[in-house]
Structures are given as structure tokens and as C-alpha cells.
PDB file of all heavy atoms in Angstrom:
ATOM      1  N   ARG A   1      24.060  36.409  30.731  1.00  0.00           N
ATOM      2  CA  ARG A   1      22.606  36.606  30.412  1.00  0.00           C
ATOM      3  C   ARG A   1      22.310  36.265  29.032  1.00  0.00           C
ATOM      4  O   ARG A   1      21.128  36.105  28.600  1.00  0.00           O
ATOM      5  CB  ARG A   1      22.197  38.095  30.669  1.00  0.00           C
ATOM      6  CG  ARG A   1      22.386  38.479  32.173  1.00  0.00           C
ATOM      7  CD  ARG A   1      21.970  39.937  32.372  1.00  0.00           C
ATOM      8  NE  ARG A   1      22.111  40.306  33.774  1.00  0.00           N
ATOM      9  CZ  ARG A   1      21.849  41.605  34.161  1.00  0.00           C
ATOM     10  NH1 ARG A   1      21.356  42.494  33.426  1.00  0.00           N
ATOM     11  NH2 ARG A   1      22.001  41.869  35.400  1.00  0.00           N
ATOM     12  N   GLU A   2      23.325  36.154  28.145  1.00  0.00           N
ATOM     13  CA  GLU A   2      23.072  35.805  26.769  1.00  0.00           C
ATOM     14  C   GLU A   2      22.830  34.354  26.565  1.00  0.00           C
ATOM     15  O   GLU A   2      22.186  33.875  25.658  1.00  0.00           O
ATOM     16  CB  GLU A   2      24.257  36.196  25.869  1.00  0.00           C
ATOM     17  CG  GLU A   2      24.445  37.730  25.675  1.00  0.00           C
ATOM     18  CD  GLU A   2      24.929  38.424  26.981  1.00  0.00           C
ATOM     19  OE1 GLU A   2      25.611  37.733  27.740  1.00  0.00           O
ATOM     20  OE2 GLU A   2      24.604  39.557  27.145  1.00  0.00           O
ATOM     21  N   ARG A   3      23.246  33.556  27.532  1.00  0.00           N
ATOM     22  CA  ARG A   3      23.210  32.135  27.409  1.00  0.00           C
ATOM     23  C   ARG A   3      22.480  31.579  28.697  1.00  0.00           C
ATOM     24  O   ARG A   3      23.135  31.237  29.692  1.00  0.00           O
ATOM     25  CB  ARG A   3      24.505  31.400  27.286  1.00  0.00           C
ATOM     26  CG  ARG A   3      25.242  31.920  25.954  1.00  0.00           C
ATOM     27  CD  ARG A   3      26.639  31.261  25.939  1.00  0.00           C
ATOM     28  NE  ARG A   3      26.554  29.794  25.922  1.00  0.00           N
ATOM     29  CZ  ARG A   3      27.591  29.009  26.214  1.00  0.00           C
ATOM     30  NH1 ARG A   3      28.781  29.531  26.610  1.00  0.00           N
ATOM     31  NH2 ARG A   3      27.429  27.686  26.143  1.00  0.00           N
ATOM     32  N   PRO A   4      21.122  31.640  28.739  1.00  0.00           N
ATOM     33  CA  PRO A   4      20.470  31.278  29.992  1.00  0.00           C
ATOM     34  C   PRO A   4      20.464  29.840  30.289  1.00  0.00           C
ATOM     35  O   PRO A   4      20.225  29.456  31.499  1.00  0.00           O
ATOM     36  CB  PRO A   4      19.034  31.780  29.651  1.00  0.00           C
ATOM     37  CG  PRO A   4      18.892  31.698  28.220  1.00  0.00           C
ATOM     38  CD  PRO A   4      20.188  32.042  27.669  1.00  0.00           C
ATOM     39  N   TRP A   5      20.563  28.916  29.273  1.00  0.00           N
ATOM     40  CA  TRP A   5      20.473  27.603  29.540  1.00  0.00           C
ATOM     41  C   TRP A   5      21.495  26.958  30.552  1.00  0.00           C
ATOM     42  O   TRP A   5      21.160  26.024  31.291  1.00  0.00           O
ATOM     43  CB  TRP A   5      20.463  26.697  28.232  1.00  0.00           C
ATOM     44  CG  TRP A   5      19.064  26.761  27.661  1.00  0.00           C
ATOM     45  CD1 TRP A   5      18.804  27.604  26.556  1.00  0.00           C
ATOM     46  CD2 TRP A   5      17.941  26.155  28.030  1.00  0.00           C
ATOM     47  NE1 TRP A   5      17.457  27.478  26.246  1.00  0.00           N
ATOM     48  CE2 TRP A   5      16.825  26.563  27.152  1.00  0.00           C
ATOM     49  CE3 TRP A   5      17.567  25.253  29.076  1.00  0.00           C
ATOM     50  CZ2 TRP A   5      15.542  26.169  27.282  1.00  0.00           C
ATOM     51  CZ3 TRP A   5      16.249  24.820  29.136  1.00  0.00           C
ATOM     52  CH2 TRP A   5      15.269  25.269  28.251  1.00  0.00           C
ATOM     53  N   PRO A   6      22.791  27.441  30.571  1.00  0.00           N
ATOM     54  CA  PRO A   6      23.701  26.978  31.645  1.00  0.00           C
ATOM     55  C   PRO A   6      23.161  27.129  33.012  1.00  0.00           C
ATOM     56  O   PRO A   6      23.374  26.228  33.862  1.00  0.00           O
ATOM     57  CB  PRO A   6      24.925  27.807  31.430  1.00  0.00           C
ATOM     58  CG  PRO A   6      24.875  28.123  29.902  1.00  0.00           C
ATOM     59  CD  PRO A   6      23.411  28.334  29.625  1.00  0.00           C
ATOM     60  N   ARG A   7      22.376  28.190  33.210  1.00  0.00           N
ATOM     61  CA  ARG A   7      21.795  28.366  34.537  1.00  0.00           C
ATOM     62  C   ARG A   7      20.756  27.317  34.870  1.00  0.00           C
ATOM     63  O   ARG A   7      20.736  26.800  35.997  1.00  0.00           O
ATOM     64  CB  ARG A   7      21.207  29.737  34.637  1.00  0.00           C
ATOM     65  CG  ARG A   7      20.503  29.980  36.042  1.00  0.00           C
ATOM     66  CD  ARG A   7      20.023  31.443  36.222  1.00  0.00           C
ATOM     67  NE  ARG A   7      19.377  31.561  37.490  1.00  0.00           N
ATOM     68  CZ  ARG A   7      19.176  32.697  38.116  1.00  0.00           C
ATOM     69  NH1 ARG A   7      19.616  33.851  37.477  1.00  0.00           N
ATOM     70  NH2 ARG A   7      18.512  32.815  39.177  1.00  0.00           N
ATOM     71  N   THR A   8      19.947  26.920  33.894  1.00  0.00           N
ATOM     72  CA  THR A   8      18.962  25.903  34.033  1.00  0.00           C
ATOM     73  C   THR A   8      19.644  24.550  34.375  1.00  0.00           C
ATOM     74  O   THR A   8      19.214  23.795  35.292  1.00  0.00           O
ATOM     75  CB  THR A   8      18.058  25.789  32.794  1.00  0.00           C
ATOM     76  OG1 THR A   8      17.453  27.018  32.579  1.00  0.00           O
ATOM     77  CG2 THR A   8      17.056  24.665  33.022  1.00  0.00           C
ATOM     78  N   LEU A   9      20.662  24.245  33.631  1.00  0.00           N
ATOM     79  CA  LEU A   9      21.378  22.991  33.880  1.00  0.00           C
ATOM     80  C   LEU A   9      22.100  22.943  35.185  1.00  0.00           C
ATOM     81  O   LEU A   9      22.062  21.931  35.873  1.00  0.00           O
ATOM     82  CB  LEU A   9      22.345  22.740  32.684  1.00  0.00           C
ATOM     83  CG  LEU A   9      21.789  22.556  31.252  1.00  0.00           C
ATOM     84  CD1 LEU A   9      22.928  22.457  30.246  1.00  0.00           C
ATOM     85  CD2 LEU A   9      20.968  21.329  31.254  1.00  0.00           C
ATOM     86  N   THR A  10      22.613  24.093  35.588  1.00  0.00           N
ATOM     87  CA  THR A  10      23.263  24.234  36.923  1.00  0.00           C
ATOM     88  C   THR A  10      22.311  24.028  38.015  1.00  0.00           C
ATOM     89  O   THR A  10      22.522  23.334  38.980  1.00  0.00           O
ATOM     90  CB  THR A  10      24.010  25.531  37.080  1.00  0.00           C
ATOM     91  OG1 THR A  10      25.015  25.680  35.929  1.00  0.00           O
ATOM     92  CG2 THR A  10      24.783  25.619  38.397  1.00  0.00           C
ATOM     93  N   SER A  11      21.085  24.607  37.828  1.00  0.00           N
ATOM     94  CA  SER A  11      20.051  24.569  38.784  1.00  0.00           C
ATOM     95  C   SER A  11      19.633  23.069  38.969  1.00  0.00           C
ATOM     96  O   SER A  11      19.410  22.559  40.105  1.00  0.00           O
ATOM     97  CB  SER A  11      18.800  25.330  38.370  1.00  0.00           C
ATOM     98  OG  SER A  11      19.147  26.740  38.443  1.00  0.00           O
ATOM     99  N   ALA A  12      19.535  22.360  37.810  1.00  0.00           N
ATOM    100  CA  ALA A  12      19.122  20.986  37.809  1.00  0.00           C
ATOM    101  C   ALA A  12      20.162  20.091  38.566  1.00  0.00           C
ATOM    102  O   ALA A  12      19.783  19.167  39.351  1.00  0.00           O
ATOM    103  CB  ALA A  12      18.885  20.433  36.412  1.00  0.00           C
ATOM    104  N   ALA A  13      21.474  20.434  38.357  1.00  0.00           N
ATOM    105  CA  ALA A  13      22.489  19.706  39.004  1.00  0.00           C
ATOM    106  C   ALA A  13      22.417  19.880  40.516  1.00  0.00           C
ATOM    107  O   ALA A  13      22.574  18.959  41.358  1.00  0.00           O
ATOM    108  CB  ALA A  13      23.870  20.040  38.470  1.00  0.00           C
ATOM    109  N   LEU A  14      22.335  21.179  40.979  1.00  0.00           N
ATOM    110  CA  LEU A  14      22.211  21.497  42.363  1.00  0.00           C
ATOM    111  C   LEU A  14      21.016  20.874  42.972  1.00  0.00           C
ATOM    112  O   LEU A  14      21.033  20.390  44.061  1.00  0.00           O
ATOM    113  CB  LEU A  14      22.249  23.000  42.561  1.00  0.00           C
ATOM    114  CG  LEU A  14      23.577  23.751  42.173  1.00  0.00           C
ATOM    115  CD1 LEU A  14      23.424  25.269  42.258  1.00  0.00           C
ATOM    116  CD2 LEU A  14      24.745  23.232  43.056  1.00  0.00           C
ATOM    117  N   LEU A  15      19.863  20.929  42.294  1.00  0.00           N
ATOM    118  CA  LEU A  15      18.644  20.356  42.759  1.00  0.00           C
ATOM    119  C   LEU A  15      18.806  18.824  42.973  1.00  0.00           C
ATOM    120  O   LEU A  15      18.339  18.307  44.040  1.00  0.00           O
ATOM    121  CB  LEU A  15      17.482  20.563  41.727  1.00  0.00           C
ATOM    122  CG  LEU A  15      16.196  19.859  42.000  1.00  0.00           C
ATOM    123  CD1 LEU A  15      15.576  20.295  43.314  1.00  0.00           C
ATOM    124  CD2 LEU A  15      15.211  20.077  40.824  1.00  0.00           C
ATOM    125  N   ALA A  16      19.494  18.183  42.128  1.00  0.00           N
ATOM    126  CA  ALA A  16      19.680  16.735  42.178  1.00  0.00           C
ATOM    127  C   ALA A  16      20.553  16.459  43.440  1.00  0.00           C
ATOM    128  O   ALA A  16      20.235  15.487  44.171  1.00  0.00           O
ATOM    129  CB  ALA A  16      20.404  16.176  41.014  1.00  0.00           C
ATOM    130  N   ILE A  17      21.447  17.238  43.807  1.00  0.00           N
ATOM    131  CA  ILE A  17      22.360  17.038  44.978  1.00  0.00           C
ATOM    132  C   ILE A  17      21.550  17.290  46.252  1.00  0.00           C
ATOM    133  O   ILE A  17      21.563  16.468  47.196  1.00  0.00           O
ATOM    134  CB  ILE A  17      23.543  18.010  44.927  1.00  0.00           C
ATOM    135  CG1 ILE A  17      24.518  17.672  43.836  1.00  0.00           C
ATOM    136  CG2 ILE A  17      24.270  17.998  46.254  1.00  0.00           C
ATOM    137  CD1 ILE A  17      25.569  18.678  43.621  1.00  0.00           C
ATOM    138  N   VAL A  18      20.708  18.332  46.277  1.00  0.00           N
ATOM    139  CA  VAL A  18      19.925  18.683  47.448  1.00  0.00           C
ATOM    140  C   VAL A  18      18.886  17.612  47.734  1.00  0.00           C
ATOM    141  O   VAL A  18      18.637  17.263  48.838  1.00  0.00           O
ATOM    142  CB  VAL A  18      19.323  20.114  47.243  1.00  0.00           C
ATOM    143  CG1 VAL A  18      18.351  20.379  48.411  1.00  0.00           C
ATOM    144  CG2 VAL A  18      20.454  21.152  47.255  1.00  0.00           C
ATOM    145  N   ALA A  19      18.268  17.185  46.599  1.00  0.00           N
ATOM    146  CA  ALA A  19      17.080  16.221  46.738  1.00  0.00           C
ATOM    147  C   ALA A  19      17.476  14.786  46.825  1.00  0.00           C
ATOM    148  O   ALA A  19      16.582  13.974  47.198  1.00  0.00           O
ATOM    149  CB  ALA A  19      16.194  16.480  45.579  1.00  0.00           C
ATOM    150  N   ALA A  20      18.718  14.430  46.573  1.00  0.00           N
ATOM    151  CA  ALA A  20      19.068  12.999  46.407  1.00  0.00           C
ATOM    152  C   ALA A  20      18.724  12.173  47.523  1.00  0.00           C
ATOM    153  O   ALA A  20      18.080  11.025  47.357  1.00  0.00           O
ATOM    154  CB  ALA A  20      20.575  12.874  46.034  1.00  0.00           C
ATOM    155  N   ASP A  21      19.016  12.554  48.782  1.00  0.00           N
ATOM    156  CA  ASP A  21      18.756  11.721  49.920  1.00  0.00           C
ATOM    157  C   ASP A  21      17.283  11.520  50.130  1.00  0.00           C
ATOM    158  O   ASP A  21      16.737  10.390  50.386  1.00  0.00           O
ATOM    159  CB  ASP A  21      19.339  12.319  51.198  1.00  0.00           C
ATOM    160  CG  ASP A  21      19.125  11.460  52.385  1.00  0.00           C
ATOM    161  OD1 ASP A  21      19.412  10.281  52.344  1.00  0.00           O
ATOM    162  OD2 ASP A  21      18.780  12.020  53.449  1.00  0.00           O
ATOM    163  N   SER A  22      16.461  12.593  49.944  1.00  0.00           N
ATOM    164  CA  SER A  22      15.015  12.491  50.158  1.00  0.00           C
ATOM    165  C   SER A  22      14.380  11.573  49.059  1.00  0.00           C
ATOM    166  O   SER A  22      13.517  10.761  49.347  1.00  0.00           O
ATOM    167  CB  SER A  22      14.377  13.822  50.068  1.00  0.00           C
ATOM    168  OG  SER A  22      14.135  14.341  51.274  1.00  0.00           O
ATOM    169  N   VAL A  23      14.941  11.701  47.777  1.00  0.00           N
ATOM    170  CA  VAL A  23      14.368  10.859  46.765  1.00  0.00           C
ATOM    171  C   VAL A  23      14.660   9.415  47.012  1.00  0.00           C
ATOM    172  O   VAL A  23      13.777   8.561  46.924  1.00  0.00           O
ATOM    173  CB  VAL A  23      14.968  11.197  45.391  1.00  0.00           C
ATOM    174  CG1 VAL A  23      14.704  10.232  44.269  1.00  0.00           C
ATOM    175  CG2 VAL A  23      14.573  12.623  44.970  1.00  0.00           C
ATOM    176  N   TYR A  24      15.894   9.118  47.448  1.00  0.00           N
ATOM    177  CA  TYR A  24      16.232   7.704  47.684  1.00  0.00           C
ATOM    178  C   TYR A  24      15.419   7.108  48.773  1.00  0.00           C
ATOM    179  O   TYR A  24      14.840   6.006  48.645  1.00  0.00           O
ATOM    180  CB  TYR A  24      17.778   7.638  48.049  1.00  0.00           C
ATOM    181  CG  TYR A  24      18.158   6.297  48.490  1.00  0.00           C
ATOM    182  CD1 TYR A  24      18.354   5.244  47.583  1.00  0.00           C
ATOM    183  CD2 TYR A  24      18.380   5.927  49.865  1.00  0.00           C
ATOM    184  CE1 TYR A  24      18.765   3.919  47.990  1.00  0.00           C
ATOM    185  CE2 TYR A  24      18.779   4.721  50.275  1.00  0.00           C
ATOM    186  CZ  TYR A  24      18.971   3.702  49.323  1.00  0.00           C
ATOM    187  OH  TYR A  24      19.264   2.470  49.714  1.00  0.00           O
ATOM    188  N   ARG A  25      15.249   7.817  49.905  1.00  0.00           N
ATOM    189  CA  ARG A  25      14.578   7.228  51.082  1.00  0.00           C
ATOM    190  C   ARG A  25      13.043   7.233  50.824  1.00  0.00           C
ATOM    191  O   ARG A  25      12.356   6.387  51.343  1.00  0.00           O
ATOM    192  CB  ARG A  25      14.947   8.009  52.390  1.00  0.00           C
ATOM    193  CG  ARG A  25      16.301   7.600  52.849  1.00  0.00           C
ATOM    194  CD  ARG A  25      16.652   8.190  54.186  1.00  0.00           C
ATOM    195  NE  ARG A  25      16.743   9.599  54.202  1.00  0.00           N
ATOM    196  CZ  ARG A  25      16.005  10.424  54.983  1.00  0.00           C
ATOM    197  NH1 ARG A  25      15.131   9.873  55.733  1.00  0.00           N
ATOM    198  NH2 ARG A  25      16.200  11.733  54.851  1.00  0.00           N
ATOM    199  N   SER A  26      12.487   8.204  50.103  1.00  0.00           N
ATOM    200  CA  SER A  26      11.101   8.171  49.761  1.00  0.00           C
ATOM    201  C   SER A  26      10.763   6.950  48.934  1.00  0.00           C
ATOM    202  O   SER A  26       9.704   6.271  49.212  1.00  0.00           O
ATOM    203  CB  SER A  26      10.692   9.412  49.016  1.00  0.00           C
ATOM    204  OG  SER A  26      10.819  10.561  49.807  1.00  0.00           O
ATOM    205  N   MET A  27      11.612   6.609  47.975  1.00  0.00           N
ATOM    206  CA  MET A  27      11.333   5.494  47.094  1.00  0.00           C
ATOM    207  C   MET A  27      11.506   4.200  47.902  1.00  0.00           C
ATOM    208  O   MET A  27      10.806   3.208  47.736  1.00  0.00           O
ATOM    209  CB  MET A  27      12.248   5.483  45.894  1.00  0.00           C
ATOM    210  CG  MET A  27      11.930   6.597  44.880  1.00  0.00           C
ATOM    211  SD  MET A  27      12.958   6.584  43.477  1.00  0.00           S
ATOM    212  CE  MET A  27      12.400   5.062  42.652  1.00  0.00           C
ATOM    213  N   ALA A  28      12.533   4.155  48.837  1.00  0.00           N
ATOM    214  CA  ALA A  28      12.773   3.008  49.681  1.00  0.00           C
ATOM    215  C   ALA A  28      11.592   2.777  50.622  1.00  0.00           C
ATOM    216  O   ALA A  28      11.167   1.624  50.823  1.00  0.00           O
ATOM    217  CB  ALA A  28      14.019   3.122  50.414  1.00  0.00           C
ATOM    218  N   LEU A  29      11.032   3.862  51.103  1.00  0.00           N
ATOM    219  CA  LEU A  29       9.915   3.791  52.040  1.00  0.00           C
ATOM    220  C   LEU A  29       8.633   3.233  51.198  1.00  0.00           C
ATOM    221  O   LEU A  29       8.025   2.261  51.738  1.00  0.00           O
ATOM    222  CB  LEU A  29       9.548   5.211  52.506  1.00  0.00           C
ATOM    223  CG  LEU A  29       8.141   5.319  53.183  1.00  0.00           C
ATOM    224  CD1 LEU A  29       8.186   4.742  54.530  1.00  0.00           C
ATOM    225  CD2 LEU A  29       7.682   6.757  53.172  1.00  0.00           C
ATOM    226  N   ASP A  30       8.457   3.687  50.016  1.00  0.00           N
ATOM    227  CA  ASP A  30       7.346   3.226  49.243  1.00  0.00           C
ATOM    228  C   ASP A  30       7.422   1.715  48.944  1.00  0.00           C
ATOM    229  O   ASP A  30       6.444   1.011  48.986  1.00  0.00           O
ATOM    230  CB  ASP A  30       7.154   4.092  47.999  1.00  0.00           C
ATOM    231  CG  ASP A  30       6.595   5.455  48.231  1.00  0.00           C
ATOM    232  OD1 ASP A  30       6.025   5.646  49.305  1.00  0.00           O
ATOM    233  OD2 ASP A  30       6.659   6.276  47.350  1.00  0.00           O
ATOM    234  N   ARG A  31       8.585   1.303  48.575  1.00  0.00           N
ATOM    235  CA  ARG A  31       8.822  -0.109  48.273  1.00  0.00           C
ATOM    236  C   ARG A  31       8.558  -0.951  49.513  1.00  0.00           C
ATOM    237  O   ARG A  31       7.928  -2.005  49.361  1.00  0.00           O
ATOM    238  CB  ARG A  31      10.251  -0.331  47.828  1.00  0.00           C
ATOM    239  CG  ARG A  31      10.591   0.094  46.325  1.00  0.00           C
ATOM    240  CD  ARG A  31      11.852  -0.519  45.845  1.00  0.00           C
ATOM    241  NE  ARG A  31      12.982  -0.004  46.560  1.00  0.00           N
ATOM    242  CZ  ARG A  31      13.757   0.997  46.295  1.00  0.00           C
ATOM    243  NH1 ARG A  31      13.415   1.772  45.208  1.00  0.00           N
ATOM    244  NH2 ARG A  31      14.757   1.428  47.070  1.00  0.00           N
ATOM    245  N   LEU A  32       8.980  -0.496  50.699  1.00  0.00           N
ATOM    246  CA  LEU A  32       8.750  -1.287  51.894  1.00  0.00           C
ATOM    247  C   LEU A  32       7.260  -1.308  52.282  1.00  0.00           C
ATOM    248  O   LEU A  32       6.722  -2.337  52.558  1.00  0.00           O
ATOM    249  CB  LEU A  32       9.583  -0.632  52.989  1.00  0.00           C
ATOM    250  CG  LEU A  32       9.566  -1.387  54.343  1.00  0.00           C
ATOM    251  CD1 LEU A  32      10.194  -2.770  54.209  1.00  0.00           C
ATOM    252  CD2 LEU A  32      10.280  -0.629  55.484  1.00  0.00           C
ATOM    253  N   LEU A  33       6.607  -0.147  52.105  1.00  0.00           N
ATOM    254  CA  LEU A  33       5.165  -0.078  52.465  1.00  0.00           C
ATOM    255  C   LEU A  33       4.304  -0.937  51.531  1.00  0.00           C
ATOM    256  O   LEU A  33       3.264  -1.400  51.938  1.00  0.00           O
ATOM    257  CB  LEU A  33       4.725   1.326  52.510  1.00  0.00           C
ATOM    258  CG  LEU A  33       5.264   2.283  53.591  1.00  0.00           C
ATOM    259  CD1 LEU A  33       4.679   3.690  53.418  1.00  0.00           C
ATOM    260  CD2 LEU A  33       5.008   1.713  55.029  1.00  0.00           C
ATOM    261  N   SER A  34       4.805  -1.109  50.354  1.00  0.00           N
ATOM    262  CA  SER A  34       3.993  -1.954  49.405  1.00  0.00           C
ATOM    263  C   SER A  34       4.096  -3.491  49.647  1.00  0.00           C
ATOM    264  O   SER A  34       3.409  -4.211  49.045  1.00  0.00           O
ATOM    265  CB  SER A  34       4.518  -1.655  47.962  1.00  0.00           C
ATOM    266  OG  SER A  34       5.817  -2.088  47.798  1.00  0.00           O
TER     267      SER A  34
END
């Protein structure tokens, strides 16, 4: 609790893992639709 920033960084890393596939395919979709 004294060092809250490691939690933020860990959250960001986990978020990147969870969101990676959606981000990749969303961008690929947009490129194709354009």
C-alpha cells in the first residue's frame, strides 16, 4: 500500500494482454474497411 504505482503498472500489463487480440483485429478491420 506504500507503493501504489506497481499496481498501476501491473494493471496496464494485464490490460495489454487481455485487450491485445481485440486491438489487433479492430485496427485490421478499420484498415480493410477504409
